[in-house]
Amino acid sequence: MAEFWETSFVEKQTMWGFEPSESAVVANDLFKEKQLRNILIPGIGYGRNAQLFHQNGMQVTGIEISKTAIGLAKSHYGESIKIHHGSVTDMPYDEVLYDGILCYALIHLLNQSERSKLLSDCYRQLRPGGYMVFTAVSTASPNYGAGRQLSENRFEIMEGVRMYFYDADAVKREFGKYGLAAFSEIEEPMKNMPGRPALKFFLVTCRKEV
């Protein structure tokens, strides 16, 4: 996985552009409404979603497996965003309790035990009363079933990229014990690839009880 993403960022650089995802816009509105200030983004990439929070007065910390992506983030945003280098599977990287967490289009790239650990690690680093927002690819997405099937709803859609596709039952099962507050479907247009169909995700919101 590390090699795949490092190679991707070396070859494609800022491959998704700089416009934030639809999910990040929704999360930003929630974080502003709840007056959250300290945000963690596992899988921050080169920071296209992080910058939205920073522009709205939030302090952002990220985790990123690709050194090239971190370099791109620093070249565009300077030192305004702190980024830990490493895999999300090796969390935690600090002892901070965060007000909010955004994990965009990452959890479905992990296997079952890794997904469970990520949720547990994020929830543990969420302060009481805080919110975490995940986007997880849906079985309704047009890329569902692509490539080689590995297990139920899990496919290697291309070499090095294995994806678990969520349905509503899977969302309830995996997020249920981590303060699941709401989930809904959301479309993410391929803004950098006009003409490609939008991918479909579940936008999952969890809240840690006070």
C-alpha atoms as a PDB file:
ATOM      1  CA  MET A   1       0.000   0.000   0.000  1.00  0.00           C
ATOM      2  CA  ALA A   2       2.786   2.447   0.920  1.00  0.00           C
ATOM      3  CA  GLU A   3       4.604   1.788  -2.340  1.00  0.00           C
ATOM      4  CA  PHE A   4       1.424   2.240  -4.384  1.00  0.00           C
ATOM      5  CA  TRP A   5       0.631   5.653  -2.903  1.00  0.00           C
ATOM      6  CA  GLU A   6       4.203   6.903  -3.014  1.00  0.00           C
ATOM      7  CA  THR A   7       4.438   5.950  -6.687  1.00  0.00           C
ATOM      8  CA  SER A   8       1.044   7.552  -7.391  1.00  0.00           C
ATOM      9  CA  PHE A   9       2.012  10.864  -5.843  1.00  0.00           C
ATOM     10  CA  VAL A  10       5.414  10.843  -7.550  1.00  0.00           C
ATOM     11  CA  GLU A  11       3.799  10.278 -10.934  1.00  0.00           C
ATOM     12  CA  LYS A  12       0.518  12.197 -10.585  1.00  0.00           C
ATOM     13  CA  GLN A  13       1.418  14.849  -7.991  1.00  0.00           C
ATOM     14  CA  THR A  14      -1.703  16.836  -7.029  1.00  0.00           C
ATOM     15  CA  MET A  15      -3.918  14.296  -8.792  1.00  0.00           C
ATOM     16  CA  TRP A  16      -7.261  15.421  -7.352  1.00  0.00           C
ATOM     17  CA  GLY A  17      -6.706  19.153  -7.738  1.00  0.00           C
ATOM     18  CA  PHE A  18      -7.171  21.563  -4.853  1.00  0.00           C
ATOM     19  CA  GLU A  19     -10.936  21.842  -4.589  1.00  0.00           C
ATOM     20  CA  PRO A  20     -12.096  20.099  -1.385  1.00  0.00           C
ATOM     21  CA  SER A  21     -14.274  17.014  -1.574  1.00  0.00           C
ATOM     22  CA  GLU A  22     -18.016  17.286  -1.040  1.00  0.00           C
ATOM     23  CA  SER A  23     -17.589  15.280   2.164  1.00  0.00           C
ATOM     24  CA  ALA A  24     -15.025  17.752   3.508  1.00  0.00           C
ATOM     25  CA  VAL A  25     -17.419  20.635   2.843  1.00  0.00           C
ATOM     26  CA  VAL A  26     -20.131  18.874   4.867  1.00  0.00           C
ATOM     27  CA  ALA A  27     -17.680  18.054   7.661  1.00  0.00           C
ATOM     28  CA  ASN A  28     -16.431  21.647   7.705  1.00  0.00           C
ATOM     29  CA  ASP A  29     -19.982  22.916   8.175  1.00  0.00           C
ATOM     30  CA  LEU A  30     -20.502  20.490  11.066  1.00  0.00           C
ATOM     31  CA  PHE A  31     -17.193  21.355  12.701  1.00  0.00           C
ATOM     32  CA  LYS A  32     -17.944  25.079  12.425  1.00  0.00           C
ATOM     33  CA  GLU A  33     -21.447  24.619  13.848  1.00  0.00           C
ATOM     34  CA  LYS A  34     -20.064  22.666  16.817  1.00  0.00           C
ATOM     35  CA  GLN A  35     -17.183  25.154  17.227  1.00  0.00           C
ATOM     36  CA  LEU A  36     -14.508  22.500  16.903  1.00  0.00           C
ATOM     37  CA  ARG A  37     -10.962  23.781  16.748  1.00  0.00           C
ATOM     38  CA  ASN A  38      -8.453  20.930  16.738  1.00  0.00           C
ATOM     39  CA  ILE A  39      -8.858  18.535  13.786  1.00  0.00           C
ATOM     40  CA  LEU A  40      -7.104  15.278  12.874  1.00  0.00           C
ATOM     41  CA  ILE A  41      -7.075  13.999   9.279  1.00  0.00           C
ATOM     42  CA  PRO A  42      -5.729  10.447   8.866  1.00  0.00           C
ATOM     43  CA  GLY A  43      -4.714   9.994   5.233  1.00  0.00           C
ATOM     44  CA  ILE A  44      -4.316  13.715   4.609  1.00  0.00           C
ATOM     45  CA  GLY A  45      -2.619  13.344   1.213  1.00  0.00           C
ATOM     46  CA  TYR A  46      -1.343  16.702  -0.019  1.00  0.00           C
ATOM     47  CA  GLY A  47      -3.875  18.616   2.054  1.00  0.00           C
ATOM     48  CA  ARG A  48      -6.680  19.573  -0.325  1.00  0.00           C
ATOM     49  CA  ASN A  49      -9.326  18.864   2.343  1.00  0.00           C
ATOM     50  CA  ALA A  50      -7.230  20.134   5.240  1.00  0.00           C
ATOM     51  CA  GLN A  51      -6.884  23.618   3.824  1.00  0.00           C
ATOM     52  CA  LEU A  52     -10.635  24.188   4.095  1.00  0.00           C
ATOM     53  CA  PHE A  53     -10.527  23.649   7.860  1.00  0.00           C
ATOM     54  CA  HIS A  54      -7.413  25.779   8.227  1.00  0.00           C
ATOM     55  CA  GLN A  55      -9.095  28.630   6.347  1.00  0.00           C
ATOM     56  CA  ASN A  56     -11.931  28.474   8.867  1.00  0.00           C
ATOM     57  CA  GLY A  57      -9.667  28.939  11.852  1.00  0.00           C
ATOM     58  CA  MET A  58      -9.121  25.305  12.810  1.00  0.00           C
ATOM     59  CA  GLN A  59      -5.788  23.749  13.715  1.00  0.00           C
ATOM     60  CA  VAL A  60      -5.098  20.701  11.537  1.00  0.00           C
ATOM     61  CA  THR A  61      -2.886  17.677  12.126  1.00  0.00           C
ATOM     62  CA  GLY A  62      -2.560  14.958   9.502  1.00  0.00           C
ATOM     63  CA  ILE A  63      -1.188  11.473   9.032  1.00  0.00           C
ATOM     64  CA  GLU A  64       0.176  10.485   5.617  1.00  0.00           C
ATOM     65  CA  ILE A  65       2.011   7.417   4.327  1.00  0.00           C
ATOM     66  CA  SER A  66       3.588   9.133   1.285  1.00  0.00           C
ATOM     67  CA  LYS A  67       6.626  11.362   1.774  1.00  0.00           C
ATOM     68  CA  THR A  68       5.984  12.908  -1.629  1.00  0.00           C
ATOM     69  CA  ALA A  69       2.427  13.863  -0.633  1.00  0.00           C
ATOM     70  CA  ILE A  70       3.764  15.473   2.541  1.00  0.00           C
ATOM     71  CA  GLY A  71       6.269  17.423   0.477  1.00  0.00           C
ATOM     72  CA  LEU A  72       3.492  18.612  -1.830  1.00  0.00           C
ATOM     73  CA  ALA A  73       1.435  19.728   1.173  1.00  0.00           C
ATOM     74  CA  LYS A  74       4.360  21.710   2.581  1.00  0.00           C
ATOM     75  CA  SER A  75       5.107  23.299  -0.792  1.00  0.00           C
ATOM     76  CA  HIS A  76       1.530  24.552  -1.114  1.00  0.00           C
ATOM     77  CA  TYR A  77       0.565  25.250   2.509  1.00  0.00           C
ATOM     78  CA  GLY A  78       3.865  25.755   4.286  1.00  0.00           C
ATOM     79  CA  GLU A  79       3.990  24.720   7.928  1.00  0.00           C
ATOM     80  CA  SER A  80       0.359  25.635   8.650  1.00  0.00           C
ATOM     81  CA  ILE A  81      -0.549  21.929   8.769  1.00  0.00           C
ATOM     82  CA  LYS A  82       1.366  19.462  10.960  1.00  0.00           C
ATOM     83  CA  ILE A  83       1.722  16.041   9.313  1.00  0.00           C
ATOM     84  CA  HIS A  84       2.985  12.805  10.848  1.00  0.00           C
ATOM     85  CA  HIS A  85       4.648  10.496   8.332  1.00  0.00           C
ATOM     86  CA  GLY A  86       3.451   6.901   8.515  1.00  0.00           C
ATOM     87  CA  SER A  87       0.554   4.520   8.054  1.00  0.00           C
ATOM     88  CA  VAL A  88      -2.768   5.005   9.812  1.00  0.00           C
ATOM     89  CA  THR A  89      -2.412   1.385  10.896  1.00  0.00           C
ATOM     90  CA  ASP A  90       0.384   2.547  13.219  1.00  0.00           C
ATOM     91  CA  MET A  91      -1.710   5.126  15.084  1.00  0.00           C
ATOM     92  CA  PRO A  92      -1.460   6.851  17.469  1.00  0.00           C
ATOM     93  CA  TYR A  93       1.324   9.309  16.609  1.00  0.00           C
ATOM     94  CA  ASP A  94       0.626  11.635  19.532  1.00  0.00           C
ATOM     95  CA  GLU A  95      -1.405  11.715  22.738  1.00  0.00           C
ATOM     96  CA  VAL A  96      -3.657  14.610  21.699  1.00  0.00           C
ATOM     97  CA  LEU A  97      -7.430  14.374  22.082  1.00  0.00           C
ATOM     98  CA  TYR A  98      -8.946  16.000  18.993  1.00  0.00           C
ATOM     99  CA  ASP A  99     -12.221  17.917  18.737  1.00  0.00           C
ATOM    100  CA  GLY A 100     -12.939  16.518  15.281  1.00  0.00           C
ATOM    101  CA  ILE A 101     -11.618  13.880  12.899  1.00  0.00           C
ATOM    102  CA  LEU A 102     -12.137  13.601   9.144  1.00  0.00           C
ATOM    103  CA  CYS A 103     -11.146  10.342   7.483  1.00  0.00           C
ATOM    104  CA  TYR A 104     -11.909  10.688   3.787  1.00  0.00           C
ATOM    105  CA  ALA A 105     -11.979   7.736   1.366  1.00  0.00           C
ATOM    106  CA  LEU A 106      -9.494   5.707   3.370  1.00  0.00           C
ATOM    107  CA  ILE A 107     -11.168   3.166   5.636  1.00  0.00           C
ATOM    108  CA  HIS A 108     -12.372   1.032   2.742  1.00  0.00           C
ATOM    109  CA  LEU A 109      -8.756   0.520   1.615  1.00  0.00           C
ATOM    110  CA  LEU A 110      -8.046  -1.505   4.758  1.00  0.00           C
ATOM    111  CA  ASN A 111      -8.814  -5.088   5.671  1.00  0.00           C
ATOM    112  CA  GLN A 112     -11.268  -5.942   8.432  1.00  0.00           C
ATOM    113  CA  SER A 113      -8.821  -5.955  11.329  1.00  0.00           C
ATOM    114  CA  GLU A 114      -7.188  -2.730  10.098  1.00  0.00           C
ATOM    115  CA  ARG A 115     -10.574  -1.033   9.760  1.00  0.00           C
ATOM    116  CA  SER A 116     -11.486  -2.033  13.296  1.00  0.00           C
ATOM    117  CA  LYS A 117      -8.175  -0.727  14.653  1.00  0.00           C
ATOM    118  CA  LEU A 118      -8.511   2.558  12.775  1.00  0.00           C
ATOM    119  CA  LEU A 119     -11.971   3.164  14.202  1.00  0.00           C
ATOM    120  CA  SER A 120     -10.818   2.282  17.699  1.00  0.00           C
ATOM    121  CA  ASP A 121      -7.713   4.461  17.442  1.00  0.00           C
ATOM    122  CA  CYS A 122      -9.646   7.451  16.105  1.00  0.00           C
ATOM    123  CA  TYR A 123     -12.354   7.116  18.736  1.00  0.00           C
ATOM    124  CA  ARG A 124      -9.725   6.892  21.458  1.00  0.00           C
ATOM    125  CA  GLN A 125      -8.173  10.166  20.255  1.00  0.00           C
ATOM    126  CA  LEU A 126     -11.529  11.953  20.072  1.00  0.00           C
ATOM    127  CA  ARG A 127     -12.340  14.152  23.035  1.00  0.00           C
ATOM    128  CA  PRO A 128     -15.667  13.586  24.809  1.00  0.00           C
ATOM    129  CA  GLY A 129     -18.323  15.495  22.882  1.00  0.00           C
ATOM    130  CA  GLY A 130     -16.199  15.462  19.719  1.00  0.00           C
ATOM    131  CA  TYR A 131     -17.205  14.315  16.246  1.00  0.00           C
ATOM    132  CA  MET A 132     -15.570  12.097  13.670  1.00  0.00           C
ATOM    133  CA  VAL A 133     -16.654  11.913  10.033  1.00  0.00           C
ATOM    134  CA  PHE A 134     -15.742   9.052   7.713  1.00  0.00           C
ATOM    135  CA  THR A 135     -16.454   8.558   4.026  1.00  0.00           C
ATOM    136  CA  ALA A 136     -16.621   4.918   2.992  1.00  0.00           C
ATOM    137  CA  VAL A 137     -17.233   3.728  -0.557  1.00  0.00           C
ATOM    138  CA  SER A 138     -20.682   2.247  -1.179  1.00  0.00           C
ATOM    139  CA  THR A 139     -21.841  -0.877  -2.980  1.00  0.00           C
ATOM    140  CA  ALA A 140     -23.897   1.579  -5.071  1.00  0.00           C
ATOM    141  CA  SER A 141     -20.702   3.124  -6.470  1.00  0.00           C
ATOM    142  CA  PRO A 142     -20.054   2.511 -10.193  1.00  0.00           C
ATOM    143  CA  ASN A 143     -16.706   0.863  -9.427  1.00  0.00           C
ATOM    144  CA  TYR A 144     -18.305  -1.817  -7.235  1.00  0.00           C
ATOM    145  CA  GLY A 145     -17.353  -5.252  -8.494  1.00  0.00           C
ATOM    146  CA  ALA A 146     -14.407  -4.059 -10.567  1.00  0.00           C
ATOM    147  CA  GLY A 147     -11.317  -6.235 -10.661  1.00  0.00           C
ATOM    148  CA  ARG A 148     -10.711  -9.419  -8.700  1.00  0.00           C
ATOM    149  CA  GLN A 149     -13.047 -10.393  -5.863  1.00  0.00           C
ATOM    150  CA  LEU A 150     -11.213 -11.166  -2.627  1.00  0.00           C
ATOM    151  CA  SER A 151     -14.166 -11.765  -0.306  1.00  0.00           C
ATOM    152  CA  GLU A 152     -17.717 -10.550   0.151  1.00  0.00           C
ATOM    153  CA  ASN A 153     -17.872  -6.923  -1.064  1.00  0.00           C
ATOM    154  CA  ARG A 154     -14.065  -6.668  -1.210  1.00  0.00           C
ATOM    155  CA  PHE A 155     -12.243  -6.377  -4.526  1.00  0.00           C
ATOM    156  CA  GLU A 156      -8.748  -5.674  -5.819  1.00  0.00           C
ATOM    157  CA  ILE A 157      -9.897  -3.034  -8.301  1.00  0.00           C
ATOM    158  CA  MET A 158      -6.373  -2.549  -9.632  1.00  0.00           C
ATOM    159  CA  GLU A 159      -2.971  -3.858  -8.673  1.00  0.00           C
ATOM    160  CA  GLY A 160      -2.196  -2.704  -5.148  1.00  0.00           C
ATOM    161  CA  VAL A 161      -5.653  -1.242  -4.437  1.00  0.00           C
ATOM    162  CA  ARG A 162      -8.033  -3.399  -2.438  1.00  0.00           C
ATOM    163  CA  MET A 163     -11.404  -1.907  -1.541  1.00  0.00           C
ATOM    164  CA  TYR A 164     -14.165  -2.992   0.797  1.00  0.00           C
ATOM    165  CA  PHE A 165     -17.548  -1.676  -0.355  1.00  0.00           C
ATOM    166  CA  TYR A 166     -20.011  -0.786   2.398  1.00  0.00           C
ATOM    167  CA  ASP A 167     -23.744  -1.311   2.506  1.00  0.00           C
ATOM    168  CA  ALA A 168     -25.982   0.058   5.270  1.00  0.00           C
ATOM    169  CA  ASP A 169     -25.648  -3.080   7.382  1.00  0.00           C
ATOM    170  CA  ALA A 170     -21.858  -2.906   7.234  1.00  0.00           C
ATOM    171  CA  VAL A 171     -21.928   0.752   8.312  1.00  0.00           C
ATOM    172  CA  LYS A 172     -24.076  -0.104  11.335  1.00  0.00           C
ATOM    173  CA  ARG A 173     -21.960  -3.137  12.183  1.00  0.00           C
ATOM    174  CA  GLU A 174     -18.555  -1.455  12.007  1.00  0.00           C
ATOM    175  CA  PHE A 175     -19.382   2.045  13.280  1.00  0.00           C
ATOM    176  CA  GLY A 176     -22.155   1.131  15.721  1.00  0.00           C
ATOM    177  CA  LYS A 177     -19.977   0.840  18.811  1.00  0.00           C
ATOM    178  CA  TYR A 178     -18.125   4.077  18.063  1.00  0.00           C
ATOM    179  CA  GLY A 179     -20.904   6.572  18.669  1.00  0.00           C
ATOM    180  CA  LEU A 180     -22.659   6.243  15.310  1.00  0.00           C
ATOM    181  CA  ALA A 181     -24.929   9.290  15.089  1.00  0.00           C
ATOM    182  CA  ALA A 182     -25.973   9.385  11.428  1.00  0.00           C
ATOM    183  CA  PHE A 183     -25.063   8.191   7.972  1.00  0.00           C
ATOM    184  CA  SER A 184     -26.236   9.050   4.484  1.00  0.00           C
ATOM    185  CA  GLU A 185     -25.172   8.549   0.889  1.00  0.00           C
ATOM    186  CA  ILE A 186     -23.087  11.215  -0.811  1.00  0.00           C
ATOM    187  CA  GLU A 187     -21.768  11.524  -4.354  1.00  0.00           C
ATOM    188  CA  GLU A 188     -18.201  12.608  -4.999  1.00  0.00           C
ATOM    189  CA  PRO A 189     -17.792  13.883  -8.575  1.00  0.00           C
ATOM    190  CA  MET A 190     -14.505  13.130 -10.301  1.00  0.00           C
ATOM    191  CA  LYS A 191     -13.796  16.857 -10.573  1.00  0.00           C
ATOM    192  CA  ASN A 192     -10.419  16.341 -12.206  1.00  0.00           C
ATOM    193  CA  MET A 193     -11.830  13.828 -14.715  1.00  0.00           C
ATOM    194  CA  PRO A 194     -14.815  15.372 -16.551  1.00  0.00           C
ATOM    195  CA  GLY A 195     -17.198  12.804 -17.963  1.00  0.00           C
ATOM    196  CA  ARG A 196     -16.384  10.132 -15.391  1.00  0.00           C
ATOM    197  CA  PRO A 197     -19.335   9.056 -13.217  1.00  0.00           C
ATOM    198  CA  ALA A 198     -19.378  10.243  -9.628  1.00  0.00           C
ATOM    199  CA  LEU A 199     -18.304   7.767  -6.978  1.00  0.00           C
ATOM    200  CA  LYS A 200     -20.851   7.013  -4.266  1.00  0.00           C
ATOM    201  CA  PHE A 201     -19.945   6.920  -0.609  1.00  0.00           C
ATOM    202  CA  PHE A 202     -21.514   6.694   2.801  1.00  0.00           C
ATOM    203  CA  LEU A 203     -20.908   9.815   4.873  1.00  0.00           C
ATOM    204  CA  VAL A 204     -20.746   8.509   8.442  1.00  0.00           C
ATOM    205  CA  THR A 205     -20.870  10.772  11.498  1.00  0.00           C
ATOM    206  CA  CYS A 206     -19.980   9.560  14.987  1.00  0.00           C
ATOM    207  CA  ARG A 207     -20.083  11.465  18.266  1.00  0.00           C
ATOM    208  CA  LYS A 208     -18.263  10.549  21.463  1.00  0.00           C
ATOM    209  CA  GLU A 209     -20.468  10.843  24.502  1.00  0.00           C
ATOM    210  CA  VAL A 210     -19.497  13.344  27.167  1.00  0.00           C
END
